């Protein structure tokens, strides 16, 4: 019997406490695409790896055929920078905002 990739991934995503909206945002896809993934019998390795990074889960036990040991490329689900690429962009804007806010407060205190 062939396993249903989408159902397996959906169950683990929900167990990890991620909503469809969160997964869609971190994957840079729409919610309908996430639902399409969950309905597929087979998912390609890239999608499984991407979801695994986002939800911090190593899918190698569920899909060993997609996780071959490589000598120069290691899969580290704890790497937050690759897991959430939009977070870096958010941090840049947050840092700029904090700098401006500090400058504003300093201007107010000098008057």
PDB file of N, CA and C in Angstrom:
ATOM      1  N   UNK A   1       0.828  -1.179   0.000  1.00  0.00           N
ATOM      2  CA  UNK A   1       0.000   0.000   0.000  1.00  0.00           C
ATOM      3  C   UNK A   1       0.878   1.248   0.000  1.00  0.00           C
ATOM      4  N   UNK A   2       0.572   2.160  -0.906  1.00  0.00           N
ATOM      5  CA  UNK A   2       1.367   3.376  -1.023  1.00  0.00           C
ATOM      6  C   UNK A   2       0.900   4.414  -0.004  1.00  0.00           C
ATOM      7  N   UNK A   3       1.864   5.076   0.624  1.00  0.00           N
ATOM      8  CA  UNK A   3       1.505   6.085   1.626  1.00  0.00           C
ATOM      9  C   UNK A   3       1.068   7.385   0.951  1.00  0.00           C
ATOM     10  N   UNK A   4       0.181   8.094   1.615  1.00  0.00           N
ATOM     11  CA  UNK A   4      -0.337   9.371   1.123  1.00  0.00           C
ATOM     12  C   UNK A   4       0.515  10.486   1.724  1.00  0.00           C
ATOM     13  N   UNK A   5       1.416  11.041   0.916  1.00  0.00           N
ATOM     14  CA  UNK A   5       2.369  12.033   1.404  1.00  0.00           C
ATOM     15  C   UNK A   5       1.673  13.241   2.025  1.00  0.00           C
ATOM     16  N   UNK A   6       0.665  13.753   1.335  1.00  0.00           N
ATOM     17  CA  UNK A   6      -0.018  14.949   1.818  1.00  0.00           C
ATOM     18  C   UNK A   6      -0.640  14.764   3.185  1.00  0.00           C
ATOM     19  N   UNK A   7      -1.264  13.625   3.405  1.00  0.00           N
ATOM     20  CA  UNK A   7      -1.892  13.367   4.699  1.00  0.00           C
ATOM     21  C   UNK A   7      -0.853  13.245   5.806  1.00  0.00           C
ATOM     22  N   UNK A   8       0.240  12.586   5.511  1.00  0.00           N
ATOM     23  CA  UNK A   8       1.310  12.431   6.504  1.00  0.00           C
ATOM     24  C   UNK A   8       1.866  13.792   6.903  1.00  0.00           C
ATOM     25  N   UNK A   9       2.134  14.629   5.908  1.00  0.00           N
ATOM     26  CA  UNK A   9       2.674  15.961   6.169  1.00  0.00           C
ATOM     27  C   UNK A   9       1.657  16.809   6.934  1.00  0.00           C
ATOM     28  N   UNK A  10       0.401  16.746   6.531  1.00  0.00           N
ATOM     29  CA  UNK A  10      -0.636  17.532   7.205  1.00  0.00           C
ATOM     30  C   UNK A  10      -0.746  17.169   8.686  1.00  0.00           C
ATOM     31  N   UNK A  11      -0.739  15.892   8.985  1.00  0.00           N
ATOM     32  CA  UNK A  11      -0.854  15.442  10.379  1.00  0.00           C
ATOM     33  C   UNK A  11       0.306  15.987  11.210  1.00  0.00           C
ATOM     34  N   UNK A  12       1.523  15.905  10.669  1.00  0.00           N
ATOM     35  CA  UNK A  12       2.679  16.381  11.417  1.00  0.00           C
ATOM     36  C   UNK A  12       2.703  17.897  11.555  1.00  0.00           C
ATOM     37  N   UNK A  13       2.249  18.602  10.524  1.00  0.00           N
ATOM     38  CA  UNK A  13       2.187  20.064  10.598  1.00  0.00           C
ATOM     39  C   UNK A  13       1.217  20.476  11.695  1.00  0.00           C
ATOM     40  N   UNK A  14       0.071  19.827  11.736  1.00  0.00           N
ATOM     41  CA  UNK A  14      -0.933  20.170  12.750  1.00  0.00           C
ATOM     42  C   UNK A  14      -0.470  19.766  14.152  1.00  0.00           C
ATOM     43  N   UNK A  15       0.245  18.629  14.269  1.00  0.00           N
ATOM     44  CA  UNK A  15       0.782  18.222  15.571  1.00  0.00           C
ATOM     45  C   UNK A  15       1.776  19.245  16.107  1.00  0.00           C
ATOM     46  N   UNK A  16       2.525  19.853  15.185  1.00  0.00           N
ATOM     47  CA  UNK A  16       3.512  20.860  15.581  1.00  0.00           C
ATOM     48  C   UNK A  16       2.853  22.188  15.940  1.00  0.00           C
ATOM     49  N   UNK A  17       1.554  22.305  15.699  1.00  0.00           N
ATOM     50  CA  UNK A  17       0.835  23.518  16.082  1.00  0.00           C
ATOM     51  C   UNK A  17       0.864  24.632  15.059  1.00  0.00           C
ATOM     52  N   UNK A  18       1.236  24.327  13.835  1.00  0.00           N
ATOM     53  CA  UNK A  18       1.269  25.340  12.795  1.00  0.00           C
ATOM     54  C   UNK A  18      -0.089  25.428  12.116  1.00  0.00           C
ATOM     55  N   UNK A  19      -0.514  26.646  11.847  1.00  0.00           N
ATOM     56  CA  UNK A  19      -1.755  26.834  11.105  1.00  0.00           C
ATOM     57  C   UNK A  19      -1.443  26.822   9.604  1.00  0.00           C
ATOM     58  N   UNK A  20      -2.480  26.682   8.815  1.00  0.00           N
ATOM     59  CA  UNK A  20      -2.314  26.705   7.363  1.00  0.00           C
ATOM     60  C   UNK A  20      -1.780  28.066   6.931  1.00  0.00           C
ATOM     61  N   UNK A  21      -2.267  29.107   7.559  1.00  0.00           N
ATOM     62  CA  UNK A  21      -1.820  30.463   7.217  1.00  0.00           C
ATOM     63  C   UNK A  21      -0.334  30.634   7.499  1.00  0.00           C
ATOM     64  N   UNK A  22       0.120  30.171   8.658  1.00  0.00           N
ATOM     65  CA  UNK A  22       1.549  30.274   8.993  1.00  0.00           C
ATOM     66  C   UNK A  22       2.407  29.516   7.990  1.00  0.00           C
ATOM     67  N   UNK A  23       1.989  28.293   7.684  1.00  0.00           N
ATOM     68  CA  UNK A  23       2.757  27.488   6.740  1.00  0.00           C
ATOM     69  C   UNK A  23       2.794  28.157   5.378  1.00  0.00           C
ATOM     70  N   UNK A  24       1.682  28.709   4.947  1.00  0.00           N
ATOM     71  CA  UNK A  24       1.626  29.382   3.648  1.00  0.00           C
ATOM     72  C   UNK A  24       2.539  30.604   3.632  1.00  0.00           C
ATOM     73  N   UNK A  25       2.509  31.396   4.703  1.00  0.00           N
ATOM     74  CA  UNK A  25       3.346  32.592   4.764  1.00  0.00           C
ATOM     75  C   UNK A  25       4.822  32.247   4.733  1.00  0.00           C
ATOM     76  N   UNK A  26       5.219  31.263   5.498  1.00  0.00           N
ATOM     77  CA  UNK A  26       6.635  30.896   5.553  1.00  0.00           C
ATOM     78  C   UNK A  26       7.094  30.168   4.298  1.00  0.00           C
ATOM     79  N   UNK A  27       6.158  29.615   3.546  1.00  0.00           N
ATOM     80  CA  UNK A  27       6.493  28.930   2.295  1.00  0.00           C
ATOM     81  C   UNK A  27       6.412  29.864   1.098  1.00  0.00           C
ATOM     82  N   UNK A  28       5.907  31.072   1.322  1.00  0.00           N
ATOM     83  CA  UNK A  28       5.686  32.039   0.241  1.00  0.00           C
ATOM     84  C   UNK A  28       4.736  31.509  -0.817  1.00  0.00           C
ATOM     85  N   UNK A  29       3.680  30.840  -0.368  1.00  0.00           N
ATOM     86  CA  UNK A  29       2.624  30.357  -1.259  1.00  0.00           C
ATOM     87  C   UNK A  29       1.281  30.737  -0.639  1.00  0.00           C
ATOM     88  N   UNK A  30       0.214  30.536  -1.397  1.00  0.00           N
ATOM     89  CA  UNK A  30      -1.113  30.825  -0.864  1.00  0.00           C
ATOM     90  C   UNK A  30      -1.615  29.645  -0.034  1.00  0.00           C
ATOM     91  N   UNK A  31      -2.636  29.898   0.749  1.00  0.00           N
ATOM     92  CA  UNK A  31      -3.226  28.830   1.557  1.00  0.00           C
ATOM     93  C   UNK A  31      -3.791  27.729   0.674  1.00  0.00           C
ATOM     94  N   UNK A  32      -4.339  28.096  -0.470  1.00  0.00           N
ATOM     95  CA  UNK A  32      -4.904  27.070  -1.359  1.00  0.00           C
ATOM     96  C   UNK A  32      -3.822  26.116  -1.862  1.00  0.00           C
ATOM     97  N   UNK A  33      -2.612  26.617  -2.051  1.00  0.00           N
ATOM     98  CA  UNK A  33      -1.508  25.739  -2.465  1.00  0.00           C
ATOM     99  C   UNK A  33      -1.183  24.752  -1.351  1.00  0.00           C
ATOM    100  N   UNK A  34      -1.203  25.218  -0.106  1.00  0.00           N
ATOM    101  CA  UNK A  34      -0.934  24.323   1.027  1.00  0.00           C
ATOM    102  C   UNK A  34      -1.997  23.222   1.063  1.00  0.00           C
ATOM    103  N   UNK A  35      -3.267  23.599   0.876  1.00  0.00           N
ATOM    104  CA  UNK A  35      -4.333  22.596   0.852  1.00  0.00           C
ATOM    105  C   UNK A  35      -4.144  21.615  -0.307  1.00  0.00           C
ATOM    106  N   UNK A  36      -3.666  22.118  -1.438  1.00  0.00           N
ATOM    107  CA  UNK A  36      -3.389  21.218  -2.576  1.00  0.00           C
ATOM    108  C   UNK A  36      -2.281  20.240  -2.222  1.00  0.00           C
ATOM    109  N   UNK A  37      -1.260  20.703  -1.522  1.00  0.00           N
ATOM    110  CA  UNK A  37      -0.190  19.804  -1.085  1.00  0.00           C
ATOM    111  C   UNK A  37      -0.758  18.699  -0.204  1.00  0.00           C
ATOM    112  N   UNK A  38      -1.624  19.069   0.738  1.00  0.00           N
ATOM    113  CA  UNK A  38      -2.183  18.087   1.663  1.00  0.00           C
ATOM    114  C   UNK A  38      -3.067  17.065   0.949  1.00  0.00           C
ATOM    115  N   UNK A  39      -3.649  17.433  -0.174  1.00  0.00           N
ATOM    116  CA  UNK A  39      -4.510  16.515  -0.919  1.00  0.00           C
ATOM    117  C   UNK A  39      -3.755  15.620  -1.894  1.00  0.00           C
ATOM    118  N   UNK A  40      -2.484  15.878  -2.116  1.00  0.00           N
ATOM    119  CA  UNK A  40      -1.699  15.084  -3.063  1.00  0.00           C
ATOM    120  C   UNK A  40      -1.274  13.752  -2.459  1.00  0.00           C
ATOM    121  N   UNK A  41      -1.330  12.729  -3.284  1.00  0.00           N
ATOM    122  CA  UNK A  41      -0.829  11.419  -2.844  1.00  0.00           C
ATOM    123  C   UNK A  41       0.691  11.407  -2.778  1.00  0.00           C
ATOM    124  N   UNK A  42       1.306  12.126  -3.705  1.00  0.00           N
ATOM    125  CA  UNK A  42       2.767  12.194  -3.735  1.00  0.00           C
ATOM    126  C   UNK A  42       3.204  13.648  -3.756  1.00  0.00           C
ATOM    127  N   UNK A  43       4.194  13.965  -2.927  1.00  0.00           N
ATOM    128  CA  UNK A  43       4.806  15.289  -2.912  1.00  0.00           C
ATOM    129  C   UNK A  43       6.256  15.136  -3.329  1.00  0.00           C
ATOM    130  N   UNK A  44       6.781  16.150  -4.018  1.00  0.00           N
ATOM    131  CA  UNK A  44       8.191  16.035  -4.392  1.00  0.00           C
ATOM    132  C   UNK A  44       9.077  16.372  -3.193  1.00  0.00           C
ATOM    133  N   UNK A  45      10.319  16.014  -3.288  1.00  0.00           N
ATOM    134  CA  UNK A  45      11.260  16.144  -2.173  1.00  0.00           C
ATOM    135  C   UNK A  45      11.436  17.592  -1.740  1.00  0.00           C
ATOM    136  N   UNK A  46      11.423  18.524  -2.686  1.00  0.00           N
ATOM    137  CA  UNK A  46      11.622  19.931  -2.335  1.00  0.00           C
ATOM    138  C   UNK A  46      10.529  20.445  -1.400  1.00  0.00           C
ATOM    139  N   UNK A  47       9.295  20.073  -1.682  1.00  0.00           N
ATOM    140  CA  UNK A  47       8.185  20.516  -0.830  1.00  0.00           C
ATOM    141  C   UNK A  47       8.319  19.917   0.566  1.00  0.00           C
ATOM    142  N   UNK A  48       8.647  18.651   0.624  1.00  0.00           N
ATOM    143  CA  UNK A  48       8.788  17.985   1.928  1.00  0.00           C
ATOM    144  C   UNK A  48       9.935  18.591   2.728  1.00  0.00           C
ATOM    145  N   UNK A  49      11.049  18.859   2.077  1.00  0.00           N
ATOM    146  CA  UNK A  49      12.184  19.486   2.758  1.00  0.00           C
ATOM    147  C   UNK A  49      11.812  20.882   3.245  1.00  0.00           C
ATOM    148  N   UNK A  50      11.122  21.657   2.404  1.00  0.00           N
ATOM    149  CA  UNK A  50      10.735  23.019   2.770  1.00  0.00           C
ATOM    150  C   UNK A  50       9.808  23.016   3.984  1.00  0.00           C
ATOM    151  N   UNK A  51       8.809  22.159   3.963  1.00  0.00           N
ATOM    152  CA  UNK A  51       7.874  22.081   5.091  1.00  0.00           C
ATOM    153  C   UNK A  51       8.599  21.611   6.343  1.00  0.00           C
ATOM    154  N   UNK A  52       9.501  20.656   6.196  1.00  0.00           N
ATOM    155  CA  UNK A  52      10.268  20.170   7.338  1.00  0.00           C
ATOM    156  C   UNK A  52      11.085  21.258   7.999  1.00  0.00           C
ATOM    157  N   UNK A  53      11.686  22.114   7.196  1.00  0.00           N
ATOM    158  CA  UNK A  53      12.458  23.228   7.760  1.00  0.00           C
ATOM    159  C   UNK A  53      11.553  24.211   8.492  1.00  0.00           C
ATOM    160  N   UNK A  54      10.398  24.460   7.925  1.00  0.00           N
ATOM    161  CA  UNK A  54       9.493  25.444   8.520  1.00  0.00           C
ATOM    162  C   UNK A  54       8.944  24.953   9.858  1.00  0.00           C
ATOM    163  N   UNK A  55       8.496  23.708   9.901  1.00  0.00           N
ATOM    164  CA  UNK A  55       7.871  23.199  11.131  1.00  0.00           C
ATOM    165  C   UNK A  55       8.875  22.542  12.072  1.00  0.00           C
ATOM    166  N   UNK A  56      10.151  22.584  11.703  1.00  0.00           N
ATOM    167  CA  UNK A  56      11.219  22.029  12.525  1.00  0.00           C
ATOM    168  C   UNK A  56      11.009  20.532  12.767  1.00  0.00           C
ATOM    169  N   UNK A  57      10.836  19.805  11.654  1.00  0.00           N
ATOM    170  CA  UNK A  57      10.651  18.354  11.738  1.00  0.00           C
ATOM    171  C   UNK A  57      11.501  17.681  10.670  1.00  0.00           C
ATOM    172  N   UNK A  58      12.178  16.632  11.067  1.00  0.00           N
ATOM    173  CA  UNK A  58      12.977  15.833  10.150  1.00  0.00           C
ATOM    174  C   UNK A  58      12.093  14.716   9.606  1.00  0.00           C
ATOM    175  N   UNK A  59      11.711  14.818   8.347  1.00  0.00           N
ATOM    176  CA  UNK A  59      10.823  13.841   7.720  1.00  0.00           C
ATOM    177  C   UNK A  59      11.564  12.593   7.225  1.00  0.00           C
ATOM    178  N   UNK A  60      12.801  12.408   7.640  1.00  0.00           N
ATOM    179  CA  UNK A  60      13.578  11.276   7.120  1.00  0.00           C
ATOM    180  C   UNK A  60      13.019   9.922   7.543  1.00  0.00           C
ATOM    181  N   UNK A  61      12.331   9.871   8.666  1.00  0.00           N
ATOM    182  CA  UNK A  61      11.749   8.582   9.065  1.00  0.00           C
ATOM    183  C   UNK A  61      10.463   8.294   8.283  1.00  0.00           C
ATOM    184  N   UNK A  62       9.716   9.342   7.932  1.00  0.00           N
ATOM    185  CA  UNK A  62       8.484   9.152   7.175  1.00  0.00           C
ATOM    186  C   UNK A  62       8.768   8.948   5.683  1.00  0.00           C
ATOM    187  N   UNK A  63       9.791   9.638   5.158  1.00  0.00           N
ATOM    188  CA  UNK A  63      10.135   9.577   3.740  1.00  0.00           C
ATOM    189  C   UNK A  63      11.631   9.327   3.557  1.00  0.00           C
ATOM    190  N   UNK A  64      12.106   8.139   3.906  1.00  0.00           N
ATOM    191  CA  UNK A  64      13.547   7.887   3.809  1.00  0.00           C
ATOM    192  C   UNK A  64      14.073   7.980   2.380  1.00  0.00           C
ATOM    193  N   UNK A  65      13.196   7.786   1.405  1.00  0.00           N
ATOM    194  CA  UNK A  65      13.630   7.850   0.002  1.00  0.00           C
ATOM    195  C   UNK A  65      14.033   9.260  -0.406  1.00  0.00           C
ATOM    196  N   UNK A  66      13.583  10.282   0.327  1.00  0.00           N
ATOM    197  CA  UNK A  66      13.914  11.665   0.005  1.00  0.00           C
ATOM    198  C   UNK A  66      15.078  12.209   0.809  1.00  0.00           C
ATOM    199  N   UNK A  67      15.590  11.443   1.743  1.00  0.00           N
ATOM    200  CA  UNK A  67      16.651  11.911   2.629  1.00  0.00           C
ATOM    201  C   UNK A  67      17.860  10.996   2.518  1.00  0.00           C
ATOM    202  N   UNK A  68      18.618  11.177   1.467  1.00  0.00           N
ATOM    203  CA  UNK A  68      19.847  10.428   1.290  1.00  0.00           C
ATOM    204  C   UNK A  68      20.958  11.168   2.019  1.00  0.00           C
ATOM    205  N   UNK A  69      21.855  10.412   2.605  1.00  0.00           N
ATOM    206  CA  UNK A  69      22.995  11.025   3.287  1.00  0.00           C
ATOM    207  C   UNK A  69      23.906  11.642   2.237  1.00  0.00           C
ATOM    208  N   UNK A  70      24.196  12.913   2.410  1.00  0.00           N
ATOM    209  CA  UNK A  70      25.100  13.618   1.501  1.00  0.00           C
ATOM    210  C   UNK A  70      26.296  14.088   2.297  1.00  0.00           C
ATOM    211  N   UNK A  71      27.453  14.060   1.682  1.00  0.00           N
ATOM    212  CA  UNK A  71      28.664  14.432   2.410  1.00  0.00           C
ATOM    213  C   UNK A  71      28.819  15.931   2.545  1.00  0.00           C
ATOM    214  N   UNK A  72      28.434  16.701   1.530  1.00  0.00           N
ATOM    215  CA  UNK A  72      28.668  18.140   1.588  1.00  0.00           C
ATOM    216  C   UNK A  72      27.398  18.955   1.789  1.00  0.00           C
ATOM    217  N   UNK A  73      26.256  18.326   1.961  1.00  0.00           N
ATOM    218  CA  UNK A  73      24.998  19.049   2.163  1.00  0.00           C
ATOM    219  C   UNK A  73      24.238  18.393   3.304  1.00  0.00           C
ATOM    220  N   UNK A  74      24.187  19.061   4.431  1.00  0.00           N
ATOM    221  CA  UNK A  74      23.510  18.474   5.579  1.00  0.00           C
ATOM    222  C   UNK A  74      22.185  19.167   5.803  1.00  0.00           C
ATOM    223  N   UNK A  75      21.225  18.424   6.235  1.00  0.00           N
ATOM    224  CA  UNK A  75      19.900  18.954   6.537  1.00  0.00           C
ATOM    225  C   UNK A  75      19.838  19.248   8.018  1.00  0.00           C
ATOM    226  N   UNK A  76      19.667  20.492   8.374  1.00  0.00           N
ATOM    227  CA  UNK A  76      19.583  20.887   9.773  1.00  0.00           C
ATOM    228  C   UNK A  76      18.267  21.617   9.988  1.00  0.00           C
ATOM    229  N   UNK A  77      17.247  20.934  10.522  1.00  0.00           N
ATOM    230  CA  UNK A  77      15.951  21.588  10.697  1.00  0.00           C
ATOM    231  C   UNK A  77      15.965  22.701  11.732  1.00  0.00           C
ATOM    232  N   UNK A  78      17.035  22.808  12.510  1.00  0.00           N
ATOM    233  CA  UNK A  78      17.104  23.850  13.528  1.00  0.00           C
ATOM    234  C   UNK A  78      17.640  25.165  12.992  1.00  0.00           C
ATOM    235  N   UNK A  79      18.073  25.189  11.730  1.00  0.00           N
ATOM    236  CA  UNK A  79      18.617  26.400  11.135  1.00  0.00           C
ATOM    237  C   UNK A  79      17.480  27.366  10.829  1.00  0.00           C
ATOM    238  N   UNK A  80      17.271  28.316  11.681  1.00  0.00           N
ATOM    239  CA  UNK A  80      16.131  29.227  11.572  1.00  0.00           C
ATOM    240  C   UNK A  80      16.237  30.170  10.382  1.00  0.00           C
ATOM    241  N   UNK A  81      17.445  30.502   9.956  1.00  0.00           N
ATOM    242  CA  UNK A  81      17.587  31.421   8.828  1.00  0.00           C
ATOM    243  C   UNK A  81      17.082  30.793   7.538  1.00  0.00           C
ATOM    244  N   UNK A  82      17.380  29.515   7.302  1.00  0.00           N
ATOM    245  CA  UNK A  82      16.869  28.880   6.096  1.00  0.00           C
ATOM    246  C   UNK A  82      15.422  28.485   6.267  1.00  0.00           C
ATOM    247  N   UNK A  83      15.003  28.322   7.506  1.00  0.00           N
ATOM    248  CA  UNK A  83      13.632  27.904   7.751  1.00  0.00           C
ATOM    249  C   UNK A  83      12.652  29.021   7.447  1.00  0.00           C
ATOM    250  N   UNK A  84      13.006  30.237   7.804  1.00  0.00           N
ATOM    251  CA  UNK A  84      12.086  31.355   7.639  1.00  0.00           C
ATOM    252  C   UNK A  84      12.787  32.498   6.923  1.00  0.00           C
ATOM    253  N   UNK A  85      12.864  32.435   5.604  1.00  0.00           N
ATOM    254  CA  UNK A  85      13.595  33.460   4.862  1.00  0.00           C
ATOM    255  C   UNK A  85      12.989  34.849   5.005  1.00  0.00           C
ATOM    256  N   UNK A  86      11.696  34.964   5.199  1.00  0.00           N
ATOM    257  CA  UNK A  86      11.066  36.273   5.355  1.00  0.00           C
ATOM    258  C   UNK A  86      11.435  36.923   6.675  1.00  0.00           C
ATOM    259  N   UNK A  87      11.848  36.136   7.652  1.00  0.00           N
ATOM    260  CA  UNK A  87      12.182  36.679   8.965  1.00  0.00           C
ATOM    261  C   UNK A  87      13.369  37.629   8.880  1.00  0.00           C
ATOM    262  N   UNK A  88      14.339  37.360   8.015  1.00  0.00           N
ATOM    263  CA  UNK A  88      15.496  38.228   7.865  1.00  0.00           C
ATOM    264  C   UNK A  88      15.054  39.596   7.378  1.00  0.00           C
ATOM    265  N   UNK A  89      14.148  39.612   6.403  1.00  0.00           N
ATOM    266  CA  UNK A  89      13.626  40.862   5.869  1.00  0.00           C
ATOM    267  C   UNK A  89      12.874  41.641   6.960  1.00  0.00           C
ATOM    268  N   UNK A  90      12.114  40.946   7.767  1.00  0.00           N
ATOM    269  CA  UNK A  90      11.373  41.588   8.853  1.00  0.00           C
ATOM    270  C   UNK A  90      12.349  42.180   9.861  1.00  0.00           C
ATOM    271  N   UNK A  91      13.396  41.457  10.186  1.00  0.00           N
ATOM    272  CA  UNK A  91      14.377  41.950  11.160  1.00  0.00           C
ATOM    273  C   UNK A  91      15.068  43.216  10.672  1.00  0.00           C
ATOM    274  N   UNK A  92      15.338  43.322   9.384  1.00  0.00           N
ATOM    275  CA  UNK A  92      15.983  44.521   8.836  1.00  0.00           C
ATOM    276  C   UNK A  92      15.094  45.728   9.067  1.00  0.00           C
ATOM    277  N   UNK A  93      13.819  45.608   8.752  1.00  0.00           N
ATOM    278  CA  UNK A  93      12.895  46.723   8.932  1.00  0.00           C
ATOM    279  C   UNK A  93      12.669  47.035  10.413  1.00  0.00           C
ATOM    280  N   UNK A  94      12.635  45.998  11.222  1.00  0.00           N
ATOM    281  CA  UNK A  94      12.465  46.210  12.666  1.00  0.00           C
ATOM    282  C   UNK A  94      13.659  46.978  13.225  1.00  0.00           C
ATOM    283  N   UNK A  95      14.871  46.608  12.808  1.00  0.00           N
ATOM    284  CA  UNK A  95      16.069  47.296  13.275  1.00  0.00           C
ATOM    285  C   UNK A  95      16.068  48.765  12.846  1.00  0.00           C
ATOM    286  N   UNK A  96      15.658  49.023  11.602  1.00  0.00           N
ATOM    287  CA  UNK A  96      15.587  50.407  11.128  1.00  0.00           C
ATOM    288  C   UNK A  96      14.575  51.207  11.946  1.00  0.00           C
ATOM    289  N   UNK A  97      13.460  50.597  12.245  1.00  0.00           N
ATOM    290  CA  UNK A  97      12.433  51.262  13.040  1.00  0.00           C
ATOM    291  C   UNK A  97      12.952  51.600  14.440  1.00  0.00           C
ATOM    292  N   UNK A  98      13.644  50.675  15.056  1.00  0.00           N
ATOM    293  CA  UNK A  98      14.179  50.893  16.401  1.00  0.00           C
ATOM    294  C   UNK A  98      15.195  52.025  16.397  1.00  0.00           C
ATOM    295  N   UNK A  99      16.045  52.075  15.381  1.00  0.00           N
ATOM    296  CA  UNK A  99      17.036  53.157  15.283  1.00  0.00           C
ATOM    297  C   UNK A  99      16.337  54.504  15.161  1.00  0.00           C
ATOM    298  N   UNK A 100      15.336  54.572  14.289  1.00  0.00           N
ATOM    299  CA  UNK A 100      14.587  55.828  14.130  1.00  0.00           C
ATOM    300  C   UNK A 100      13.862  56.218  15.409  1.00  0.00           C
ATOM    301  N   UNK A 101      13.303  55.240  16.083  1.00  0.00           N
ATOM    302  CA  UNK A 101      12.597  55.497  17.329  1.00  0.00           C
ATOM    303  C   UNK A 101      13.551  56.034  18.399  1.00  0.00           C
ATOM    304  N   UNK A 102      14.730  55.458  18.493  1.00  0.00           N
ATOM    305  CA  UNK A 102      15.727  55.937  19.454  1.00  0.00           C
ATOM    306  C   UNK A 102      16.171  57.356  19.128  1.00  0.00           C
ATOM    307  N   UNK A 103      16.352  57.651  17.831  1.00  0.00           N
ATOM    308  CA  UNK A 103      16.723  59.005  17.430  1.00  0.00           C
ATOM    309  C   UNK A 103      15.617  60.000  17.778  1.00  0.00           C
ATOM    310  N   UNK A 104      14.385  59.601  17.569  1.00  0.00           N
ATOM    311  CA  UNK A 104      13.233  60.445  17.885  1.00  0.00           C
ATOM    312  C   UNK A 104      13.162  60.733  19.388  1.00  0.00           C
ATOM    313  N   UNK A 105      13.351  59.711  20.181  1.00  0.00           N
ATOM    314  CA  UNK A 105      13.332  59.882  21.638  1.00  0.00           C
ATOM    315  C   UNK A 105      14.464  60.796  22.087  1.00  0.00           C
ATOM    316  N   UNK A 106      15.611  60.661  21.465  1.00  0.00           N
ATOM    317  CA  UNK A 106      16.751  61.513  21.803  1.00  0.00           C
ATOM    318  C   UNK A 106      16.461  62.960  21.443  1.00  0.00           C
ATOM    319  N   UNK A 107      15.816  63.192  20.316  1.00  0.00           N
ATOM    320  CA  UNK A 107      15.450  64.565  19.931  1.00  0.00           C
ATOM    321  C   UNK A 107      14.449  65.159  20.906  1.00  0.00           C
ATOM    322  N   UNK A 108      13.494  64.379  21.352  1.00  0.00           N
ATOM    323  CA  UNK A 108      12.513  64.868  22.304  1.00  0.00           C
ATOM    324  C   UNK A 108      13.140  65.216  23.650  1.00  0.00           C
ATOM    325  N   UNK A 109      14.119  64.449  24.048  1.00  0.00           N
ATOM    326  CA  UNK A 109      14.722  64.659  25.371  1.00  0.00           C
ATOM    327  C   UNK A 109      15.674  65.846  25.386  1.00  0.00           C
ATOM    328  N   UNK A 110      16.157  66.295  24.247  1.00  0.00           N
ATOM    329  CA  UNK A 110      17.094  67.436  24.194  1.00  0.00           C
ATOM    330  C   UNK A 110      16.380  68.770  24.231  1.00  0.00           C
ATOM    331  N   UNK A 111      15.106  68.821  23.994  1.00  0.00           N
ATOM    332  CA  UNK A 111      14.368  70.096  23.969  1.00  0.00           C
ATOM    333  C   UNK A 111      14.013  70.564  25.338  1.00  0.00           C
TER     334      UNK A 111
END
